[in-house]
């Protein structure tokens, strides 16, 4: 029985996290998904001061043989190591917790009780079921299950 995409991402994270931590980086995300006819393993790393291309190359060279040896993925795939970028996507609990106090943009599945399908504000707090945004009109409590996508807002 093949492992699910989420299980593969978790298995890969467990395999490579010690290597990435030894380099002084953190794993921001691991995603395994099919795009078109090809499978991709996206490993996103971060560190204080940001990630550059040399960091990505170093991690790619270090984890590629480990993944080949452990062989946790049945399909052939493309390995990509990158930075989360300044407008990083918030997907998991740790992302939201790390970004409390920062301005974020949330896209909702529907506008329901919020009046809009897009909300922007400072992430005031987060727990597993809700988050609170501070926007121009005060605080807005959002159910996490209503969020389609969330990103950091970069100011240039």
Foldseek 3Di string as FASTA:
>chain_A
DADDQVVLQVVLCVQQQVVQVVVVKGWPGWGWDDDDNAIETETAIAHVVGDDPVSFVVSCVVSVVSCVVVVNDPDDHHYGYYHLDPFRWDDDPVSLVVQQQFKKKFAFPDCVPPNDRIDIAHFHDDDPFWTWGQDPVGIDIDGPVGTPIMTTDDDD
